Amino acid sequence: MQVRFDCPACRKSHVLDMPETTIHMTCGQTGKHLELRLGLGGDVKSRIVSENGQAETTSDEE
């Protein structure tokens, strides 16, 4: 499914083909590790994940 999400690392909007409900990727501009979760209705929740697996920033935070 092709989705649009707001990257919490670089603060830009991206379009991504998301073949699974949860994927891990790296922001190409900041090098930060992201976790994307596909919710009901095609909504994507994104968050920056630190090296110890804890969430640093989510797409819901300003």
PDB file of N, CA and C in Angstrom:
ATOM      1  N   MET A   1       0.842  -1.161   0.000  1.00  0.00           N
ATOM      2  CA  MET A   1       0.000   0.000   0.000  1.00  0.00           C
ATOM      3  C   MET A   1       0.899   1.240   0.000  1.00  0.00           C
ATOM      4  N   GLN A   2       0.603   2.185  -0.850  1.00  0.00           N
ATOM      5  CA  GLN A   2       1.376   3.416  -0.900  1.00  0.00           C
ATOM      6  C   GLN A   2       0.783   4.401   0.101  1.00  0.00           C
ATOM      7  N   VAL A   3       1.644   4.912   0.997  1.00  0.00           N
ATOM      8  CA  VAL A   3       1.186   5.796   2.064  1.00  0.00           C
ATOM      9  C   VAL A   3       2.050   7.056   2.097  1.00  0.00           C
ATOM     10  N   ARG A   4       1.513   8.102   2.707  1.00  0.00           N
ATOM     11  CA  ARG A   4       2.255   9.341   2.956  1.00  0.00           C
ATOM     12  C   ARG A   4       2.411   9.464   4.468  1.00  0.00           C
ATOM     13  N   PHE A   5       3.631   9.843   4.910  1.00  0.00           N
ATOM     14  CA  PHE A   5       3.849  10.036   6.337  1.00  0.00           C
ATOM     15  C   PHE A   5       4.753  11.227   6.578  1.00  0.00           C
ATOM     16  N   ASP A   6       4.626  11.814   7.763  1.00  0.00           N
ATOM     17  CA  ASP A   6       5.481  12.917   8.186  1.00  0.00           C
ATOM     18  C   ASP A   6       6.637  12.341   8.975  1.00  0.00           C
ATOM     19  N   CYS A   7       7.855  12.599   8.519  1.00  0.00           N
ATOM     20  CA  CYS A   7       9.057  12.071   9.155  1.00  0.00           C
ATOM     21  C   CYS A   7       9.380  12.912  10.389  1.00  0.00           C
ATOM     22  N   PRO A   8       9.420  12.296  11.579  1.00  0.00           N
ATOM     23  CA  PRO A   8       9.751  13.068  12.770  1.00  0.00           C
ATOM     24  C   PRO A   8      11.223  13.467  12.832  1.00  0.00           C
ATOM     25  N   ALA A   9      12.070  12.847  12.020  1.00  0.00           N
ATOM     26  CA  ALA A   9      13.498  13.154  12.039  1.00  0.00           C
ATOM     27  C   ALA A   9      13.823  14.405  11.225  1.00  0.00           C
ATOM     28  N   CYS A  10      13.324  14.468   9.970  1.00  0.00           N
ATOM     29  CA  CYS A  10      13.645  15.610   9.108  1.00  0.00           C
ATOM     30  C   CYS A  10      12.472  16.570   8.933  1.00  0.00           C
ATOM     31  N   ARG A  11      11.310  16.228   9.511  1.00  0.00           N
ATOM     32  CA  ARG A  11      10.112  17.081   9.470  1.00  0.00           C
ATOM     33  C   ARG A  11       9.563  17.298   8.069  1.00  0.00           C
ATOM     34  N   LYS A  12       9.831  16.360   7.151  1.00  0.00           N
ATOM     35  CA  LYS A  12       9.287  16.450   5.796  1.00  0.00           C
ATOM     36  C   LYS A  12       8.260  15.348   5.593  1.00  0.00           C
ATOM     37  N   SER A  13       7.432  15.498   4.586  1.00  0.00           N
ATOM     38  CA  SER A  13       6.440  14.502   4.233  1.00  0.00           C
ATOM     39  C   SER A  13       6.996  13.618   3.128  1.00  0.00           C
ATOM     40  N   HIS A  14       6.814  12.315   3.250  1.00  0.00           N
ATOM     41  CA  HIS A  14       7.327  11.363   2.266  1.00  0.00           C
ATOM     42  C   HIS A  14       6.227  10.408   1.829  1.00  0.00           C
ATOM     43  N   VAL A  15       6.347   9.868   0.632  1.00  0.00           N
ATOM     44  CA  VAL A  15       5.462   8.826   0.124  1.00  0.00           C
ATOM     45  C   VAL A  15       6.272   7.542   0.074  1.00  0.00           C
ATOM     46  N   LEU A  16       5.676   6.447   0.545  1.00  0.00           N
ATOM     47  CA  LEU A  16       6.390   5.193   0.679  1.00  0.00           C
ATOM     48  C   LEU A  16       5.458   4.033   0.346  1.00  0.00           C
ATOM     49  N   ASP A  17       5.979   3.038  -0.351  1.00  0.00           N
ATOM     50  CA  ASP A  17       5.235   1.802  -0.566  1.00  0.00           C
ATOM     51  C   ASP A  17       5.470   0.926   0.657  1.00  0.00           C
ATOM     52  N   MET A  18       4.420   0.644   1.414  1.00  0.00           N
ATOM     53  CA  MET A  18       4.531  -0.060   2.678  1.00  0.00           C
ATOM     54  C   MET A  18       3.924  -1.451   2.539  1.00  0.00           C
ATOM     55  N   PRO A  19       4.749  -2.489   2.322  1.00  0.00           N
ATOM     56  CA  PRO A  19       4.241  -3.827   2.077  1.00  0.00           C
ATOM     57  C   PRO A  19       3.773  -4.558   3.335  1.00  0.00           C
ATOM     58  N   GLU A  20       4.154  -4.078   4.527  1.00  0.00           N
ATOM     59  CA  GLU A  20       3.782  -4.730   5.783  1.00  0.00           C
ATOM     60  C   GLU A  20       3.187  -3.696   6.725  1.00  0.00           C
ATOM     61  N   THR A  21       2.640  -4.145   7.851  1.00  0.00           N
ATOM     62  CA  THR A  21       2.020  -3.208   8.789  1.00  0.00           C
ATOM     63  C   THR A  21       3.037  -2.471   9.636  1.00  0.00           C
ATOM     64  N   THR A  22       4.230  -3.022   9.828  1.00  0.00           N
ATOM     65  CA  THR A  22       5.302  -2.342  10.569  1.00  0.00           C
ATOM     66  C   THR A  22       6.601  -2.518   9.810  1.00  0.00           C
ATOM     67  N   ILE A  23       7.288  -1.403   9.560  1.00  0.00           N
ATOM     68  CA  ILE A  23       8.596  -1.484   8.925  1.00  0.00           C
ATOM     69  C   ILE A  23       9.579  -0.595   9.681  1.00  0.00           C
ATOM     70  N   HIS A  24      10.845  -0.906   9.540  1.00  0.00           N
ATOM     71  CA  HIS A  24      11.923  -0.107  10.116  1.00  0.00           C
ATOM     72  C   HIS A  24      12.749   0.426   8.960  1.00  0.00           C
ATOM     73  N   MET A  25      13.133   1.685   9.051  1.00  0.00           N
ATOM     74  CA  MET A  25      13.925   2.299   7.994  1.00  0.00           C
ATOM     75  C   MET A  25      14.806   3.384   8.604  1.00  0.00           C
ATOM     76  N   THR A  26      15.678   3.947   7.797  1.00  0.00           N
ATOM     77  CA  THR A  26      16.550   5.031   8.219  1.00  0.00           C
ATOM     78  C   THR A  26      16.226   6.266   7.401  1.00  0.00           C
ATOM     79  N   CYS A  27      16.104   7.406   8.067  1.00  0.00           N
ATOM     80  CA  CYS A  27      15.881   8.670   7.369  1.00  0.00           C
ATOM     81  C   CYS A  27      17.140   9.010   6.594  1.00  0.00           C
ATOM     82  N   GLY A  28      17.019   9.198   5.295  1.00  0.00           N
ATOM     83  CA  GLY A  28      18.167   9.480   4.446  1.00  0.00           C
ATOM     84  C   GLY A  28      18.821  10.827   4.714  1.00  0.00           C
ATOM     85  N   GLN A  29      18.079  11.770   5.277  1.00  0.00           N
ATOM     86  CA  GLN A  29      18.643  13.101   5.522  1.00  0.00           C
ATOM     87  C   GLN A  29      19.309  13.214   6.885  1.00  0.00           C
ATOM     88  N   THR A  30      18.782  12.502   7.891  1.00  0.00           N
ATOM     89  CA  THR A  30      19.323  12.635   9.250  1.00  0.00           C
ATOM     90  C   THR A  30      20.062  11.395   9.721  1.00  0.00           C
ATOM     91  N   GLY A  31      19.815  10.244   9.077  1.00  0.00           N
ATOM     92  CA  GLY A  31      20.451   8.998   9.492  1.00  0.00           C
ATOM     93  C   GLY A  31      19.816   8.376  10.724  1.00  0.00           C
ATOM     94  N   LYS A  32      18.669   8.889  11.171  1.00  0.00           N
ATOM     95  CA  LYS A  32      18.007   8.353  12.359  1.00  0.00           C
ATOM     96  C   LYS A  32      17.136   7.157  11.989  1.00  0.00           C
ATOM     97  N   HIS A  33      17.052   6.191  12.909  1.00  0.00           N
ATOM     98  CA  HIS A  33      16.286   4.978  12.717  1.00  0.00           C
ATOM     99  C   HIS A  33      14.812   5.269  13.002  1.00  0.00           C
ATOM    100  N   LEU A  34      13.937   4.900  12.056  1.00  0.00           N
ATOM    101  CA  LEU A  34      12.502   5.139  12.189  1.00  0.00           C
ATOM    102  C   LEU A  34      11.739   3.828  12.247  1.00  0.00           C
ATOM    103  N   GLU A  35      10.614   3.849  12.934  1.00  0.00           N
ATOM    104  CA  GLU A  35       9.662   2.747  12.910  1.00  0.00           C
ATOM    105  C   GLU A  35       8.347   3.303  12.392  1.00  0.00           C
ATOM    106  N   LEU A  36       7.787   2.686  11.365  1.00  0.00           N
ATOM    107  CA  LEU A  36       6.507   3.098  10.787  1.00  0.00           C
ATOM    108  C   LEU A  36       5.490   1.995  11.016  1.00  0.00           C
ATOM    109  N   ARG A  37       4.327   2.370  11.540  1.00  0.00           N
ATOM    110  CA  ARG A  37       3.243   1.414  11.753  1.00  0.00           C
ATOM    111  C   ARG A  37       2.022   1.871  10.968  1.00  0.00           C
ATOM    112  N   LEU A  38       1.492   0.963  10.169  1.00  0.00           N
ATOM    113  CA  LEU A  38       0.305   1.240   9.363  1.00  0.00           C
ATOM    114  C   LEU A  38      -0.930   0.917  10.187  1.00  0.00           C
ATOM    115  N   GLY A  39      -1.771   1.923  10.397  1.00  0.00           N
ATOM    116  CA  GLY A  39      -2.981   1.744  11.192  1.00  0.00           C
ATOM    117  C   GLY A  39      -4.202   1.549  10.315  1.00  0.00           C
ATOM    118  N   LEU A  40      -5.336   1.488  10.969  1.00  0.00           N
ATOM    119  CA  LEU A  40      -6.600   1.340  10.254  1.00  0.00           C
ATOM    120  C   LEU A  40      -6.861   2.563   9.390  1.00  0.00           C
ATOM    121  N   GLY A  41      -7.376   2.365   8.219  1.00  0.00           N
ATOM    122  CA  GLY A  41      -7.686   3.459   7.315  1.00  0.00           C
ATOM    123  C   GLY A  41      -6.483   4.025   6.583  1.00  0.00           C
ATOM    124  N   GLY A  42      -5.320   3.372   6.701  1.00  0.00           N
ATOM    125  CA  GLY A  42      -4.139   3.827   6.000  1.00  0.00           C
ATOM    126  C   GLY A  42      -3.325   4.882   6.724  1.00  0.00           C
ATOM    127  N   ASP A  43      -3.682   5.189   7.980  1.00  0.00           N
ATOM    128  CA  ASP A  43      -2.909   6.152   8.757  1.00  0.00           C
ATOM    129  C   ASP A  43      -1.577   5.541   9.167  1.00  0.00           C
ATOM    130  N   VAL A  44      -0.504   6.328   9.078  1.00  0.00           N
ATOM    131  CA  VAL A  44       0.825   5.850   9.439  1.00  0.00           C
ATOM    132  C   VAL A  44       1.307   6.600  10.676  1.00  0.00           C
ATOM    133  N   LYS A  45       1.742   5.868  11.685  1.00  0.00           N
ATOM    134  CA  LYS A  45       2.367   6.438  12.878  1.00  0.00           C
ATOM    135  C   LYS A  45       3.860   6.206  12.737  1.00  0.00           C
ATOM    136  N   SER A  46       4.638   7.272  12.815  1.00  0.00           N
ATOM    137  CA  SER A  46       6.087   7.140  12.685  1.00  0.00           C
ATOM    138  C   SER A  46       6.747   7.619  13.962  1.00  0.00           C
ATOM    139  N   ARG A  47       7.882   7.006  14.290  1.00  0.00           N
ATOM    140  CA  ARG A  47       8.633   7.433  15.466  1.00  0.00           C
ATOM    141  C   ARG A  47      10.115   7.193  15.253  1.00  0.00           C
ATOM    142  N   ILE A  48      10.915   8.017  15.904  1.00  0.00           N
ATOM    143  CA  ILE A  48      12.359   7.825  15.903  1.00  0.00           C
ATOM    144  C   ILE A  48      12.671   6.829  17.005  1.00  0.00           C
ATOM    145  N   VAL A  49      13.497   5.836  16.694  1.00  0.00           N
ATOM    146  CA  VAL A  49      13.850   4.817  17.667  1.00  0.00           C
ATOM    147  C   VAL A  49      15.331   4.975  18.003  1.00  0.00           C
ATOM    148  N   SER A  50      15.639   5.046  19.298  1.00  0.00           N
ATOM    149  CA  SER A  50      17.030   5.169  19.725  1.00  0.00           C
ATOM    150  C   SER A  50      17.703   3.806  19.665  1.00  0.00           C
ATOM    151  N   GLU A  51      18.994   3.759  19.923  1.00  0.00           N
ATOM    152  CA  GLU A  51      19.747   2.506  19.841  1.00  0.00           C
ATOM    153  C   GLU A  51      19.267   1.459  20.839  1.00  0.00           C
ATOM    154  N   ASN A  52      18.699   1.892  21.971  1.00  0.00           N
ATOM    155  CA  ASN A  52      18.224   0.923  22.959  1.00  0.00           C
ATOM    156  C   ASN A  52      16.766   0.509  22.725  1.00  0.00           C
ATOM    157  N   GLY A  53      16.171   0.965  21.624  1.00  0.00           N
ATOM    158  CA  GLY A  53      14.819   0.554  21.252  1.00  0.00           C
ATOM    159  C   GLY A  53      13.709   1.424  21.798  1.00  0.00           C
ATOM    160  N   GLN A  54      14.033   2.463  22.544  1.00  0.00           N
ATOM    161  CA  GLN A  54      13.031   3.364  23.097  1.00  0.00           C
ATOM    162  C   GLN A  54      12.664   4.443  22.085  1.00  0.00           C
ATOM    163  N   ALA A  55      11.403   4.872  22.127  1.00  0.00           N
ATOM    164  CA  ALA A  55      10.952   5.938  21.226  1.00  0.00           C
ATOM    165  C   ALA A  55      11.519   7.269  21.690  1.00  0.00           C
ATOM    166  N   GLU A  56      12.075   8.037  20.764  1.00  0.00           N
ATOM    167  CA  GLU A  56      12.585   9.368  21.074  1.00  0.00           C
ATOM    168  C   GLU A  56      11.529  10.416  20.733  1.00  0.00           C
ATOM    169  N   THR A  57      10.999  10.353  19.516  1.00  0.00           N
ATOM    170  CA  THR A  57      10.017  11.323  19.025  1.00  0.00           C
ATOM    171  C   THR A  57       9.039  10.595  18.122  1.00  0.00           C
ATOM    172  N   THR A  58       7.772  10.937  18.235  1.00  0.00           N
ATOM    173  CA  THR A  58       6.768  10.343  17.358  1.00  0.00           C
ATOM    174  C   THR A  58       6.216  11.399  16.416  1.00  0.00           C
ATOM    175  N   SER A  59       5.519  10.957  15.383  1.00  0.00           N
ATOM    176  CA  SER A  59       4.955  11.880  14.407  1.00  0.00           C
ATOM    177  C   SER A  59       3.825  12.705  15.005  1.00  0.00           C
ATOM    178  N   ASP A  60       3.269  12.253  16.154  1.00  0.00           N
ATOM    179  CA  ASP A  60       2.187  12.985  16.790  1.00  0.00           C
ATOM    180  C   ASP A  60       2.687  14.176  17.596  1.00  0.00           C
ATOM    181  N   GLU A  61       3.978  14.196  17.951  1.00  0.00           N
ATOM    182  CA  GLU A  61       4.530  15.279  18.751  1.00  0.00           C
ATOM    183  C   GLU A  61       4.915  16.444  17.868  1.00  0.00           C
ATOM    184  N   GLU A  62       4.796  17.637  18.368  1.00  0.00           N
ATOM    185  CA  GLU A  62       5.161  18.843  17.607  1.00  0.00           C
ATOM    186  C   GLU A  62       6.548  19.280  17.986  1.00  0.00           C
TER     187      GLU A  62
END
